[in-house]
Amino acid sequence: MNSKSVDYLNIWLLLISFIVAIFLPFELFLFSYAILGPLHYLTEINWLDNKRNFIKSKTQGYKLFVVLAIIISIYPFLIYLNLEANSGLSTVINFLTSQKNIVLLSGFIFSVSLIFLTKIKQLVMALVFSVLFSIVCNLYIPKLVIVIGVFLPTLVHVYIFTLLFMIYGQIKAKSNPGIVSVILLIAAPLIILFLDIRPTTYSLSDFIENTYSRSGFLSLNTTITHFFGEVNEGCFNSLSSIAIKVQIFIAFAYTYHYLNWFSKTSIIGWKSSLTSKRIKYIIILWLAAVGLYFYDYVTGLTALFFLSLLHVVLEFPLNIITIRELILVGVKKLKLGAK
């Protein structure tokens, strides 16, 4: 498919995701997260590894970042394994859990250095600075660190960065249908906000209610809904009008994020990074992941959360590069305008 065909496809995928999310917000999210999510994690991790995560230092810097990404991502999986027998490991797990927002912010800040620095000593110093800076932020602006910890691996990843990638792609391609898809993606949350939602038309099955209560998915919904003043004294109604709108947006953002990735195999070339051997491994792991979700959704979620968070962290350097390129384009346009 050429780029214009992909852009038209993305418009349809965006509209379909949006419409289904309006009518089945809870069901669509659970489906997308369990079926599309694992395949997205595996194929993107493979592609990023093939590109050496877009890191300037292809050897020591790459290895250092991968180790850091694993450390940031693995603690939920270790908790799932229940390795309490090893007191030393338990202490480390508890520390990472209690400081997860600082650790995540440190990883994102450190990613900035990865696209500029190559020497290992410089990278180590940058890592130390990133950790210290995150600690200072947590001491003086803790709410900001909490917000980053909640939204960076979730909606910032699936919505904001997807939007930035699309904007950058259209700056290069200058495709009319591509511009339309960007406008639609920007408009989606605004349209959802003004939808006439009637809570009586929505209901939660026992499976959905049980899955959401056990998985912790509602913590994101609660945080967003709290911004609208709809959470009183810790009481959250998942079927209130604003809570349903939040869930519609979450379902739409996640579903389109996954579909957008799969639609762009020919644009970014991630399909070419797949060898026949890796395809077999990915299919086997994906089928195992889906099977685990069907066996018990929360068990599958817990076991697969490592891959979910890992692919988010491994994408940080690419996110930084995209932001940098957009800033450079903006500065260039401002200079041309001034002339």
C-alpha atoms as a PDB file:
ATOM      1  CA  MET A   1       0.000   0.000   0.000  1.00  0.00           C
ATOM      2  CA  ASN A   2       1.224   3.506  -0.793  1.00  0.00           C
ATOM      3  CA  SER A   3       1.149   6.254   1.833  1.00  0.00           C
ATOM      4  CA  LYS A   4      -2.131   7.785   0.580  1.00  0.00           C
ATOM      5  CA  SER A   5      -3.896   4.410   0.716  1.00  0.00           C
ATOM      6  CA  VAL A   6      -2.629   3.942   4.259  1.00  0.00           C
ATOM      7  CA  ASP A   7      -3.969   7.388   5.171  1.00  0.00           C
ATOM      8  CA  TYR A   8      -7.423   6.513   3.830  1.00  0.00           C
ATOM      9  CA  LEU A   9      -7.283   3.225   5.711  1.00  0.00           C
ATOM     10  CA  ASN A  10      -6.411   5.073   8.895  1.00  0.00           C
ATOM     11  CA  ILE A  11      -9.411   7.361   8.508  1.00  0.00           C
ATOM     12  CA  TRP A  12     -11.666   4.304   8.369  1.00  0.00           C
ATOM     13  CA  LEU A  13      -9.895   2.630  11.294  1.00  0.00           C
ATOM     14  CA  LEU A  14     -10.227   5.830  13.306  1.00  0.00           C
ATOM     15  CA  LEU A  15     -13.947   6.154  12.563  1.00  0.00           C
ATOM     16  CA  ILE A  16     -14.649   2.489  13.278  1.00  0.00           C
ATOM     17  CA  SER A  17     -12.730   2.635  16.576  1.00  0.00           C
ATOM     18  CA  PHE A  18     -14.610   5.786  17.546  1.00  0.00           C
ATOM     19  CA  ILE A  19     -18.084   4.440  16.746  1.00  0.00           C
ATOM     20  CA  VAL A  20     -17.549   1.070  18.426  1.00  0.00           C
ATOM     21  CA  ALA A  21     -16.068   2.814  21.478  1.00  0.00           C
ATOM     22  CA  ILE A  22     -19.244   4.897  21.855  1.00  0.00           C
ATOM     23  CA  PHE A  23     -21.513   1.842  21.939  1.00  0.00           C
ATOM     24  CA  LEU A  24     -19.186  -0.679  23.643  1.00  0.00           C
ATOM     25  CA  PRO A  25     -16.612   1.329  25.626  1.00  0.00           C
ATOM     26  CA  PHE A  26     -15.801  -1.294  28.245  1.00  0.00           C
ATOM     27  CA  GLU A  27     -16.018  -4.310  25.958  1.00  0.00           C
ATOM     28  CA  LEU A  28     -13.898  -2.742  23.198  1.00  0.00           C
ATOM     29  CA  PHE A  29     -11.123  -1.784  25.593  1.00  0.00           C
ATOM     30  CA  LEU A  30     -10.909  -5.262  27.129  1.00  0.00           C
ATOM     31  CA  PHE A  31     -10.913  -6.863  23.675  1.00  0.00           C
ATOM     32  CA  SER A  32      -8.265  -4.541  22.232  1.00  0.00           C
ATOM     33  CA  TYR A  33      -6.028  -4.759  25.275  1.00  0.00           C
ATOM     34  CA  ALA A  34      -6.092  -8.577  25.295  1.00  0.00           C
ATOM     35  CA  ILE A  35      -6.071  -9.383  21.552  1.00  0.00           C
ATOM     36  CA  LEU A  36      -4.396  -6.471  19.770  1.00  0.00           C
ATOM     37  CA  GLY A  37      -2.170  -5.336  22.649  1.00  0.00           C
ATOM     38  CA  PRO A  38       0.201  -8.328  22.969  1.00  0.00           C
ATOM     39  CA  LEU A  39       0.752  -8.539  19.206  1.00  0.00           C
ATOM     40  CA  HIS A  40       1.542  -4.821  19.176  1.00  0.00           C
ATOM     41  CA  TYR A  41       4.039  -5.152  22.055  1.00  0.00           C
ATOM     42  CA  LEU A  42       5.875  -8.057  20.441  1.00  0.00           C
ATOM     43  CA  THR A  43       6.105  -6.607  16.928  1.00  0.00           C
ATOM     44  CA  GLU A  44       7.117  -3.137  18.117  1.00  0.00           C
ATOM     45  CA  ILE A  45       9.763  -4.456  20.512  1.00  0.00           C
ATOM     46  CA  ASN A  46      11.178  -6.490  17.608  1.00  0.00           C
ATOM     47  CA  TRP A  47      11.178  -3.404  15.346  1.00  0.00           C
ATOM     48  CA  LEU A  48      12.774  -1.170  17.988  1.00  0.00           C
ATOM     49  CA  ASP A  49      15.458  -3.783  18.604  1.00  0.00           C
ATOM     50  CA  ASN A  50      16.141  -3.897  14.867  1.00  0.00           C
ATOM     51  CA  LYS A  51      16.513  -0.096  14.884  1.00  0.00           C
ATOM     52  CA  ARG A  52      18.589  -0.208  18.091  1.00  0.00           C
ATOM     53  CA  ASN A  53      15.834   1.901  19.668  1.00  0.00           C
ATOM     54  CA  PHE A  54      17.032   4.897  17.612  1.00  0.00           C
ATOM     55  CA  ILE A  55      19.804   5.408  20.166  1.00  0.00           C
ATOM     56  CA  LYS A  56      22.920   7.263  19.008  1.00  0.00           C
ATOM     57  CA  SER A  57      25.239   4.904  20.908  1.00  0.00           C
ATOM     58  CA  LYS A  58      24.637   1.515  19.272  1.00  0.00           C
ATOM     59  CA  THR A  59      26.653  -0.608  21.709  1.00  0.00           C
ATOM     60  CA  GLN A  60      27.146   0.340  25.375  1.00  0.00           C
ATOM     61  CA  GLY A  61      24.406   2.967  25.335  1.00  0.00           C
ATOM     62  CA  TYR A  62      21.950   0.545  23.783  1.00  0.00           C
ATOM     63  CA  LYS A  63      22.755  -2.178  26.316  1.00  0.00           C
ATOM     64  CA  LEU A  64      22.521   0.263  29.221  1.00  0.00           C
ATOM     65  CA  PHE A  65      19.116   1.480  28.086  1.00  0.00           C
ATOM     66  CA  VAL A  66      17.733  -2.033  27.555  1.00  0.00           C
ATOM     67  CA  VAL A  67      18.831  -3.065  31.059  1.00  0.00           C
ATOM     68  CA  LEU A  68      17.254   0.093  32.487  1.00  0.00           C
ATOM     69  CA  ALA A  69      14.027  -0.557  30.561  1.00  0.00           C
ATOM     70  CA  ILE A  70      13.853  -4.100  31.923  1.00  0.00           C
ATOM     71  CA  ILE A  71      14.426  -2.858  35.499  1.00  0.00           C
ATOM     72  CA  ILE A  72      11.665  -0.271  35.105  1.00  0.00           C
ATOM     73  CA  SER A  73       9.237  -2.794  33.620  1.00  0.00           C
ATOM     74  CA  ILE A  74       9.862  -6.050  35.448  1.00  0.00           C
ATOM     75  CA  TYR A  75       8.721  -5.314  39.001  1.00  0.00           C
ATOM     76  CA  PRO A  76       4.997  -6.060  38.361  1.00  0.00           C
ATOM     77  CA  PHE A  77       5.957  -9.435  36.886  1.00  0.00           C
ATOM     78  CA  LEU A  78       8.161 -10.234  39.887  1.00  0.00           C
ATOM     79  CA  ILE A  79       5.275  -9.371  42.194  1.00  0.00           C
ATOM     80  CA  TYR A  80       3.106 -11.765  40.185  1.00  0.00           C
ATOM     81  CA  LEU A  81       5.675 -14.546  40.655  1.00  0.00           C
ATOM     82  CA  ASN A  82       5.504 -13.919  44.423  1.00  0.00           C
ATOM     83  CA  LEU A  83       9.239 -14.287  45.119  1.00  0.00           C
ATOM     84  CA  GLU A  84       8.935 -13.350  48.764  1.00  0.00           C
ATOM     85  CA  ALA A  85      11.388 -16.028  49.872  1.00  0.00           C
ATOM     86  CA  ASN A  86      14.351 -13.933  48.803  1.00  0.00           C
ATOM     87  CA  SER A  87      14.303 -11.032  51.248  1.00  0.00           C
ATOM     88  CA  GLY A  88      16.861  -9.010  49.244  1.00  0.00           C
ATOM     89  CA  LEU A  89      14.877  -9.307  46.027  1.00  0.00           C
ATOM     90  CA  SER A  90      11.667  -8.565  47.908  1.00  0.00           C
ATOM     91  CA  THR A  91      13.198  -5.334  49.231  1.00  0.00           C
ATOM     92  CA  VAL A  92      14.182  -4.264  45.719  1.00  0.00           C
ATOM     93  CA  ILE A  93      10.715  -5.075  44.356  1.00  0.00           C
ATOM     94  CA  ASN A  94       9.001  -3.138  47.141  1.00  0.00           C
ATOM     95  CA  PHE A  95      11.315  -0.168  46.542  1.00  0.00           C
ATOM     96  CA  LEU A  96      10.647  -0.119  42.793  1.00  0.00           C
ATOM     97  CA  THR A  97       6.928  -0.406  43.443  1.00  0.00           C
ATOM     98  CA  SER A  98       6.887   2.468  45.936  1.00  0.00           C
ATOM     99  CA  GLN A  99       9.028   4.677  43.665  1.00  0.00           C
ATOM    100  CA  LYS A 100       7.615   3.620  40.295  1.00  0.00           C
ATOM    101  CA  ASN A 101       6.684   7.164  39.259  1.00  0.00           C
ATOM    102  CA  ILE A 102      10.216   8.430  39.956  1.00  0.00           C
ATOM    103  CA  VAL A 103      11.733   5.453  38.144  1.00  0.00           C
ATOM    104  CA  LEU A 104       9.505   5.990  35.105  1.00  0.00           C
ATOM    105  CA  LEU A 105      10.227   9.726  34.961  1.00  0.00           C
ATOM    106  CA  SER A 106      13.963   9.018  35.292  1.00  0.00           C
ATOM    107  CA  GLY A 107      13.793   6.676  32.319  1.00  0.00           C
ATOM    108  CA  PHE A 108      12.039   9.257  30.171  1.00  0.00           C
ATOM    109  CA  ILE A 109      14.465  12.059  31.071  1.00  0.00           C
ATOM    110  CA  PHE A 110      17.441   9.752  30.515  1.00  0.00           C
ATOM    111  CA  SER A 111      16.130   8.987  27.020  1.00  0.00           C
ATOM    112  CA  VAL A 112      16.916  12.589  26.029  1.00  0.00           C
ATOM    113  CA  SER A 113      20.631  11.915  26.503  1.00  0.00           C
ATOM    114  CA  LEU A 114      20.448   8.744  24.408  1.00  0.00           C
ATOM    115  CA  ILE A 115      19.824  10.661  21.179  1.00  0.00           C
ATOM    116  CA  PHE A 116      22.759  13.028  21.749  1.00  0.00           C
ATOM    117  CA  LEU A 117      25.471  11.186  23.707  1.00  0.00           C
ATOM    118  CA  THR A 118      27.571   8.176  22.751  1.00  0.00           C
ATOM    119  CA  LYS A 119      30.235   7.741  25.460  1.00  0.00           C
ATOM    120  CA  ILE A 120      29.312   5.427  28.318  1.00  0.00           C
ATOM    121  CA  LYS A 121      30.685   7.781  31.022  1.00  0.00           C
ATOM    122  CA  GLN A 122      28.509  10.600  29.736  1.00  0.00           C
ATOM    123  CA  LEU A 123      25.487   8.319  29.665  1.00  0.00           C
ATOM    124  CA  VAL A 124      26.064   7.121  33.228  1.00  0.00           C
ATOM    125  CA  MET A 125      26.335  10.736  34.391  1.00  0.00           C
ATOM    126  CA  ALA A 126      23.133  11.532  32.490  1.00  0.00           C
ATOM    127  CA  LEU A 127      21.392   8.603  34.195  1.00  0.00           C
ATOM    128  CA  VAL A 128      22.495   9.823  37.639  1.00  0.00           C
ATOM    129  CA  PHE A 129      21.277  13.332  36.798  1.00  0.00           C
ATOM    130  CA  SER A 130      17.936  11.933  35.571  1.00  0.00           C
ATOM    131  CA  VAL A 131      17.366  10.057  38.837  1.00  0.00           C
ATOM    132  CA  LEU A 132      18.368  13.042  41.004  1.00  0.00           C
ATOM    133  CA  PHE A 133      16.220  15.418  38.964  1.00  0.00           C
ATOM    134  CA  SER A 134      13.216  13.077  39.299  1.00  0.00           C
ATOM    135  CA  ILE A 135      13.730  12.822  43.054  1.00  0.00           C
ATOM    136  CA  VAL A 136      13.841  16.618  43.367  1.00  0.00           C
ATOM    137  CA  CYS A 137      10.657  16.879  41.287  1.00  0.00           C
ATOM    138  CA  ASN A 138       8.976  14.340  43.557  1.00  0.00           C
ATOM    139  CA  LEU A 139       9.982  16.356  46.640  1.00  0.00           C
ATOM    140  CA  TYR A 140       8.810  19.747  45.402  1.00  0.00           C
ATOM    141  CA  ILE A 141       6.108  18.973  42.831  1.00  0.00           C
ATOM    142  CA  PRO A 142       4.894  15.473  43.781  1.00  0.00           C
ATOM    143  CA  LYS A 143       1.513  15.869  42.056  1.00  0.00           C
ATOM    144  CA  LEU A 144       3.255  16.427  38.723  1.00  0.00           C
ATOM    145  CA  VAL A 145       5.316  13.255  39.168  1.00  0.00           C
ATOM    146  CA  ILE A 146       2.175  11.292  40.040  1.00  0.00           C
ATOM    147  CA  VAL A 147       0.370  12.620  36.962  1.00  0.00           C
ATOM    148  CA  ILE A 148       3.363  11.691  34.783  1.00  0.00           C
ATOM    149  CA  GLY A 149       3.494   8.237  36.369  1.00  0.00           C
ATOM    150  CA  VAL A 150      -0.200   7.667  35.666  1.00  0.00           C
ATOM    151  CA  PHE A 151      -0.497   9.161  32.183  1.00  0.00           C
ATOM    152  CA  LEU A 152       2.934   8.686  30.549  1.00  0.00           C
ATOM    153  CA  PRO A 153       2.630   4.894  30.103  1.00  0.00           C
ATOM    154  CA  THR A 154      -1.085   5.083  29.309  1.00  0.00           C
ATOM    155  CA  LEU A 155      -2.884   7.906  27.504  1.00  0.00           C
ATOM    156  CA  VAL A 156       0.243   9.933  26.710  1.00  0.00           C
ATOM    157  CA  HIS A 157       1.686   6.850  25.029  1.00  0.00           C
ATOM    158  CA  VAL A 158      -1.419   5.728  23.128  1.00  0.00           C
ATOM    159  CA  TYR A 159      -2.896   9.124  22.262  1.00  0.00           C
ATOM    160  CA  ILE A 160      -0.397  12.017  22.510  1.00  0.00           C
ATOM    161  CA  PHE A 161       2.589  10.207  20.993  1.00  0.00           C
ATOM    162  CA  THR A 162       0.407   8.590  18.317  1.00  0.00           C
ATOM    163  CA  LEU A 163      -0.832  12.082  17.428  1.00  0.00           C
ATOM    164  CA  LEU A 164       2.722  13.482  17.340  1.00  0.00           C
ATOM    165  CA  PHE A 165       3.897  10.622  15.093  1.00  0.00           C
ATOM    166  CA  MET A 166       1.008  11.298  12.723  1.00  0.00           C
ATOM    167  CA  ILE A 167       1.661  15.051  12.653  1.00  0.00           C
ATOM    168  CA  TYR A 168       5.349  14.501  11.903  1.00  0.00           C
ATOM    169  CA  GLY A 169       4.467  11.984   9.208  1.00  0.00           C
ATOM    170  CA  GLN A 170       2.108  14.432   7.514  1.00  0.00           C
ATOM    171  CA  ILE A 171       4.664  17.241   7.642  1.00  0.00           C
ATOM    172  CA  LYS A 172       6.891  14.986   5.544  1.00  0.00           C
ATOM    173  CA  ALA A 173       4.222  13.387   3.324  1.00  0.00           C
ATOM    174  CA  LYS A 174       1.840  16.370   2.964  1.00  0.00           C
ATOM    175  CA  SER A 175      -1.092  14.058   2.273  1.00  0.00           C
ATOM    176  CA  ASN A 176      -4.639  15.484   2.357  1.00  0.00           C
ATOM    177  CA  PRO A 177      -6.245  12.293   3.757  1.00  0.00           C
ATOM    178  CA  GLY A 178      -3.401  12.144   6.265  1.00  0.00           C
ATOM    179  CA  ILE A 179      -4.188  15.673   7.417  1.00  0.00           C
ATOM    180  CA  VAL A 180      -7.854  14.679   7.747  1.00  0.00           C
ATOM    181  CA  SER A 181      -6.893  11.738   9.993  1.00  0.00           C
ATOM    182  CA  VAL A 182      -4.833  14.064  12.215  1.00  0.00           C
ATOM    183  CA  ILE A 183      -7.738  16.513  12.496  1.00  0.00           C
ATOM    184  CA  LEU A 184     -10.144  13.676  13.350  1.00  0.00           C
ATOM    185  CA  LEU A 185      -7.812  12.357  16.038  1.00  0.00           C
ATOM    186  CA  ILE A 186      -7.538  15.821  17.597  1.00  0.00           C
ATOM    187  CA  ALA A 187     -11.303  16.317  17.412  1.00  0.00           C
ATOM    188  CA  ALA A 188     -12.206  12.928  18.902  1.00  0.00           C
ATOM    189  CA  PRO A 189     -11.904  13.829  22.637  1.00  0.00           C
ATOM    190  CA  LEU A 190     -13.739  17.124  22.036  1.00  0.00           C
ATOM    191  CA  ILE A 191     -16.593  15.325  20.305  1.00  0.00           C
ATOM    192  CA  ILE A 192     -16.761  12.772  23.127  1.00  0.00           C
ATOM    193  CA  LEU A 193     -16.879  15.574  25.701  1.00  0.00           C
ATOM    194  CA  PHE A 194     -20.012  17.054  24.109  1.00  0.00           C
ATOM    195  CA  LEU A 195     -21.776  13.756  23.413  1.00  0.00           C
ATOM    196  CA  ASP A 196     -25.236  13.349  24.917  1.00  0.00           C
ATOM    197  CA  ILE A 197     -24.497  10.278  27.009  1.00  0.00           C
ATOM    198  CA  ARG A 198     -27.367   8.609  28.834  1.00  0.00           C
ATOM    199  CA  PRO A 199     -25.997   6.260  31.507  1.00  0.00           C
ATOM    200  CA  THR A 200     -29.208   4.188  31.497  1.00  0.00           C
ATOM    201  CA  THR A 201     -28.311   2.857  28.032  1.00  0.00           C
ATOM    202  CA  TYR A 202     -25.085   1.312  29.374  1.00  0.00           C
ATOM    203  CA  SER A 203     -24.664  -1.675  31.641  1.00  0.00           C
ATOM    204  CA  LEU A 204     -21.823  -3.831  32.924  1.00  0.00           C
ATOM    205  CA  SER A 205     -21.910  -7.606  32.792  1.00  0.00           C
ATOM    206  CA  ASP A 206     -20.639  -9.569  35.770  1.00  0.00           C
ATOM    207  CA  PHE A 207     -17.479 -10.428  33.812  1.00  0.00           C
ATOM    208  CA  ILE A 208     -16.702  -6.804  32.939  1.00  0.00           C
ATOM    209  CA  GLU A 209     -17.474  -5.524  36.420  1.00  0.00           C
ATOM    210  CA  ASN A 210     -15.362  -8.246  38.025  1.00  0.00           C
ATOM    211  CA  THR A 211     -12.482  -7.734  35.563  1.00  0.00           C
ATOM    212  CA  TYR A 212     -12.349  -3.977  36.070  1.00  0.00           C
ATOM    213  CA  SER A 213     -12.523  -4.251  39.856  1.00  0.00           C
ATOM    214  CA  ARG A 214      -9.763  -6.880  40.007  1.00  0.00           C
ATOM    215  CA  SER A 215      -7.457  -5.426  37.344  1.00  0.00           C
ATOM    216  CA  GLY A 216      -7.082  -1.872  38.590  1.00  0.00           C
ATOM    217  CA  PHE A 217      -8.122  -0.473  35.190  1.00  0.00           C
ATOM    218  CA  LEU A 218     -10.546   1.901  36.886  1.00  0.00           C
ATOM    219  CA  SER A 219      -7.692   3.785  38.581  1.00  0.00           C
ATOM    220  CA  LEU A 220      -7.011   5.597  35.291  1.00  0.00           C
ATOM    221  CA  ASN A 221     -10.710   6.343  34.835  1.00  0.00           C
ATOM    222  CA  THR A 222     -10.954   7.609  38.401  1.00  0.00           C
ATOM    223  CA  THR A 223      -7.942   9.905  37.969  1.00  0.00           C
ATOM    224  CA  ILE A 224      -9.338  11.484  34.791  1.00  0.00           C
ATOM    225  CA  THR A 225     -12.881  11.745  36.143  1.00  0.00           C
ATOM    226  CA  HIS A 226     -11.514  13.449  39.256  1.00  0.00           C
ATOM    227  CA  PHE A 227     -10.395  16.360  37.050  1.00  0.00           C
ATOM    228  CA  PHE A 228     -14.054  17.000  36.238  1.00  0.00           C
ATOM    229  CA  GLY A 229     -15.022  16.999  39.904  1.00  0.00           C
ATOM    230  CA  GLU A 230     -17.103  13.859  39.587  1.00  0.00           C
ATOM    231  CA  VAL A 231     -15.358  11.823  42.296  1.00  0.00           C
ATOM    232  CA  ASN A 232     -16.664  12.720  45.731  1.00  0.00           C
ATOM    233  CA  GLU A 233     -15.047  11.336  48.885  1.00  0.00           C
ATOM    234  CA  GLY A 234     -13.417   8.517  46.977  1.00  0.00           C
ATOM    235  CA  CYS A 235     -16.747   7.322  45.552  1.00  0.00           C
ATOM    236  CA  PHE A 236     -16.451   6.544  41.827  1.00  0.00           C
ATOM    237  CA  ASN A 237     -19.466   5.674  39.695  1.00  0.00           C
ATOM    238  CA  SER A 238     -18.236   3.953  36.534  1.00  0.00           C
ATOM    239  CA  LEU A 239     -21.659   4.433  34.902  1.00  0.00           C
ATOM    240  CA  SER A 240     -21.976   8.172  35.431  1.00  0.00           C
ATOM    241  CA  SER A 241     -22.149  10.295  32.285  1.00  0.00           C
ATOM    242  CA  ILE A 242     -18.607  11.689  32.565  1.00  0.00           C
ATOM    243  CA  ALA A 243     -17.135   8.307  33.577  1.00  0.00           C
ATOM    244  CA  ILE A 244     -18.628   6.688  30.482  1.00  0.00           C
ATOM    245  CA  LYS A 245     -17.207   9.483  28.309  1.00  0.00           C
ATOM    246  CA  VAL A 246     -13.785   8.875  29.864  1.00  0.00           C
ATOM    247  CA  GLN A 247     -14.102   5.162  29.136  1.00  0.00           C
ATOM    248  CA  ILE A 248     -15.147   5.868  25.539  1.00  0.00           C
ATOM    249  CA  PHE A 249     -12.017   7.959  25.057  1.00  0.00           C
ATOM    250  CA  ILE A 250      -9.774   5.324  26.660  1.00  0.00           C
ATOM    251  CA  ALA A 251     -11.262   2.535  24.521  1.00  0.00           C
ATOM    252  CA  PHE A 252     -10.959   4.636  21.369  1.00  0.00           C
ATOM    253  CA  ALA A 253      -7.387   5.796  22.100  1.00  0.00           C
ATOM    254  CA  TYR A 254      -6.063   2.306  22.837  1.00  0.00           C
ATOM    255  CA  THR A 255      -7.858   0.615  19.941  1.00  0.00           C
ATOM    256  CA  TYR A 256      -6.810   3.183  17.359  1.00  0.00           C
ATOM    257  CA  HIS A 257      -3.246   3.204  18.717  1.00  0.00           C
ATOM    258  CA  TYR A 258      -2.976  -0.529  18.025  1.00  0.00           C
ATOM    259  CA  LEU A 259      -4.727  -0.387  14.637  1.00  0.00           C
ATOM    260  CA  ASN A 260      -2.625   2.584  13.549  1.00  0.00           C
ATOM    261  CA  TRP A 261       0.516   0.557  14.250  1.00  0.00           C
ATOM    262  CA  PHE A 262      -0.673  -2.449  12.239  1.00  0.00           C
ATOM    263  CA  SER A 263      -1.763  -0.283   9.311  1.00  0.00           C
ATOM    264  CA  LYS A 264       1.678   1.270   8.852  1.00  0.00           C
ATOM    265  CA  THR A 265       3.756  -1.788   8.087  1.00  0.00           C
ATOM    266  CA  SER A 266       4.691  -0.394   4.671  1.00  0.00           C
ATOM    267  CA  ILE A 267       5.266   3.172   5.915  1.00  0.00           C
ATOM    268  CA  ILE A 268       7.729   2.603   8.757  1.00  0.00           C
ATOM    269  CA  GLY A 269       8.882  -0.788   7.534  1.00  0.00           C
ATOM    270  CA  TRP A 270       8.449  -2.757  10.755  1.00  0.00           C
ATOM    271  CA  LYS A 271       7.334  -5.798   8.765  1.00  0.00           C
ATOM    272  CA  SER A 272      10.758  -6.003   7.107  1.00  0.00           C
ATOM    273  CA  SER A 273      12.383  -6.406  10.527  1.00  0.00           C
ATOM    274  CA  LEU A 274      10.610  -9.742  10.995  1.00  0.00           C
ATOM    275  CA  THR A 275      12.605 -12.839  10.133  1.00  0.00           C
ATOM    276  CA  SER A 276      10.814 -16.178   9.659  1.00  0.00           C
ATOM    277  CA  LYS A 277      12.238 -17.352  12.984  1.00  0.00           C
ATOM    278  CA  ARG A 278      11.059 -14.269  14.844  1.00  0.00           C
ATOM    279  CA  ILE A 279       7.621 -14.501  13.232  1.00  0.00           C
ATOM    280  CA  LYS A 280       7.238 -18.001  14.674  1.00  0.00           C
ATOM    281  CA  TYR A 281       8.294 -16.856  18.135  1.00  0.00           C
ATOM    282  CA  ILE A 282       5.969 -13.847  18.011  1.00  0.00           C
ATOM    283  CA  ILE A 283       2.986 -15.943  16.899  1.00  0.00           C
ATOM    284  CA  ILE A 284       3.624 -18.533  19.617  1.00  0.00           C
ATOM    285  CA  LEU A 285       3.985 -15.869  22.325  1.00  0.00           C
ATOM    286  CA  TRP A 286       0.929 -13.991  21.068  1.00  0.00           C
ATOM    287  CA  LEU A 287      -1.249 -17.125  21.063  1.00  0.00           C
ATOM    288  CA  ALA A 288       0.009 -17.985  24.554  1.00  0.00           C
ATOM    289  CA  ALA A 289      -0.817 -14.449  25.742  1.00  0.00           C
ATOM    290  CA  VAL A 290      -4.331 -14.552  24.256  1.00  0.00           C
ATOM    291  CA  GLY A 291      -4.851 -17.994  25.773  1.00  0.00           C
ATOM    292  CA  LEU A 292      -3.807 -16.676  29.164  1.00  0.00           C
ATOM    293  CA  TYR A 293      -6.296 -13.814  28.869  1.00  0.00           C
ATOM    294  CA  PHE A 294      -9.076 -16.268  27.981  1.00  0.00           C
ATOM    295  CA  TYR A 295      -8.108 -18.477  30.929  1.00  0.00           C
ATOM    296  CA  ASP A 296      -8.291 -15.571  33.351  1.00  0.00           C
ATOM    297  CA  TYR A 297      -8.216 -11.971  32.174  1.00  0.00           C
ATOM    298  CA  VAL A 298      -6.528 -10.543  35.265  1.00  0.00           C
ATOM    299  CA  THR A 299      -3.885 -13.279  35.244  1.00  0.00           C
ATOM    300  CA  GLY A 300      -3.147 -12.492  31.600  1.00  0.00           C
ATOM    301  CA  LEU A 301      -3.025  -8.775  32.365  1.00  0.00           C
ATOM    302  CA  THR A 302      -0.578  -9.259  35.234  1.00  0.00           C
ATOM    303  CA  ALA A 303       1.666 -11.626  33.330  1.00  0.00           C
ATOM    304  CA  LEU A 304       1.706  -9.462  30.189  1.00  0.00           C
ATOM    305  CA  PHE A 305       2.126  -6.141  31.987  1.00  0.00           C
ATOM    306  CA  PHE A 306       5.893  -6.562  31.729  1.00  0.00           C
ATOM    307  CA  LEU A 307       5.741  -6.524  27.917  1.00  0.00           C
ATOM    308  CA  SER A 308       3.214  -3.688  27.983  1.00  0.00           C
ATOM    309  CA  LEU A 309       5.397  -1.419  30.107  1.00  0.00           C
ATOM    310  CA  LEU A 310       8.612  -2.560  28.400  1.00  0.00           C
ATOM    311  CA  HIS A 311       7.449  -1.511  24.949  1.00  0.00           C
ATOM    312  CA  VAL A 312       6.407   1.877  26.361  1.00  0.00           C
ATOM    313  CA  VAL A 313       9.843   2.476  27.902  1.00  0.00           C
ATOM    314  CA  LEU A 314      11.762   1.195  24.867  1.00  0.00           C
ATOM    315  CA  GLU A 315       9.871   3.714  22.741  1.00  0.00           C
ATOM    316  CA  PHE A 316      11.054   6.701  24.832  1.00  0.00           C
ATOM    317  CA  PRO A 317      14.034   7.595  22.578  1.00  0.00           C
ATOM    318  CA  LEU A 318      11.771   7.560  19.517  1.00  0.00           C
ATOM    319  CA  ASN A 319       9.293   9.796  21.364  1.00  0.00           C
ATOM    320  CA  ILE A 320      12.106  12.251  22.171  1.00  0.00           C
ATOM    321  CA  ILE A 321      13.317  12.245  18.563  1.00  0.00           C
ATOM    322  CA  THR A 322       9.787  12.959  17.306  1.00  0.00           C
ATOM    323  CA  ILE A 323       9.380  15.864  19.747  1.00  0.00           C
ATOM    324  CA  ARG A 324      12.790  17.229  18.743  1.00  0.00           C
ATOM    325  CA  GLU A 325      12.001  17.045  15.025  1.00  0.00           C
ATOM    326  CA  LEU A 326       8.645  18.767  15.504  1.00  0.00           C
ATOM    327  CA  ILE A 327      10.321  21.550  17.488  1.00  0.00           C
ATOM    328  CA  LEU A 328      12.965  21.969  14.768  1.00  0.00           C
ATOM    329  CA  VAL A 329      10.262  22.164  12.102  1.00  0.00           C
ATOM    330  CA  GLY A 330       8.410  24.764  14.170  1.00  0.00           C
ATOM    331  CA  VAL A 331      11.540  26.851  14.716  1.00  0.00           C
ATOM    332  CA  LYS A 332      12.363  26.668  11.019  1.00  0.00           C
ATOM    333  CA  LYS A 333       8.891  27.875  10.076  1.00  0.00           C
ATOM    334  CA  LEU A 334       9.124  30.729  12.585  1.00  0.00           C
ATOM    335  CA  LYS A 335      12.469  31.818  11.114  1.00  0.00           C
ATOM    336  CA  LEU A 336      11.057  31.731   7.579  1.00  0.00           C
ATOM    337  CA  GLY A 337       8.025  33.711   8.753  1.00  0.00           C
ATOM    338  CA  ALA A 338      10.237  36.327  10.401  1.00  0.00           C
ATOM    339  CA  LYS A 339      12.099  36.837   7.128  1.00  0.00           C
END
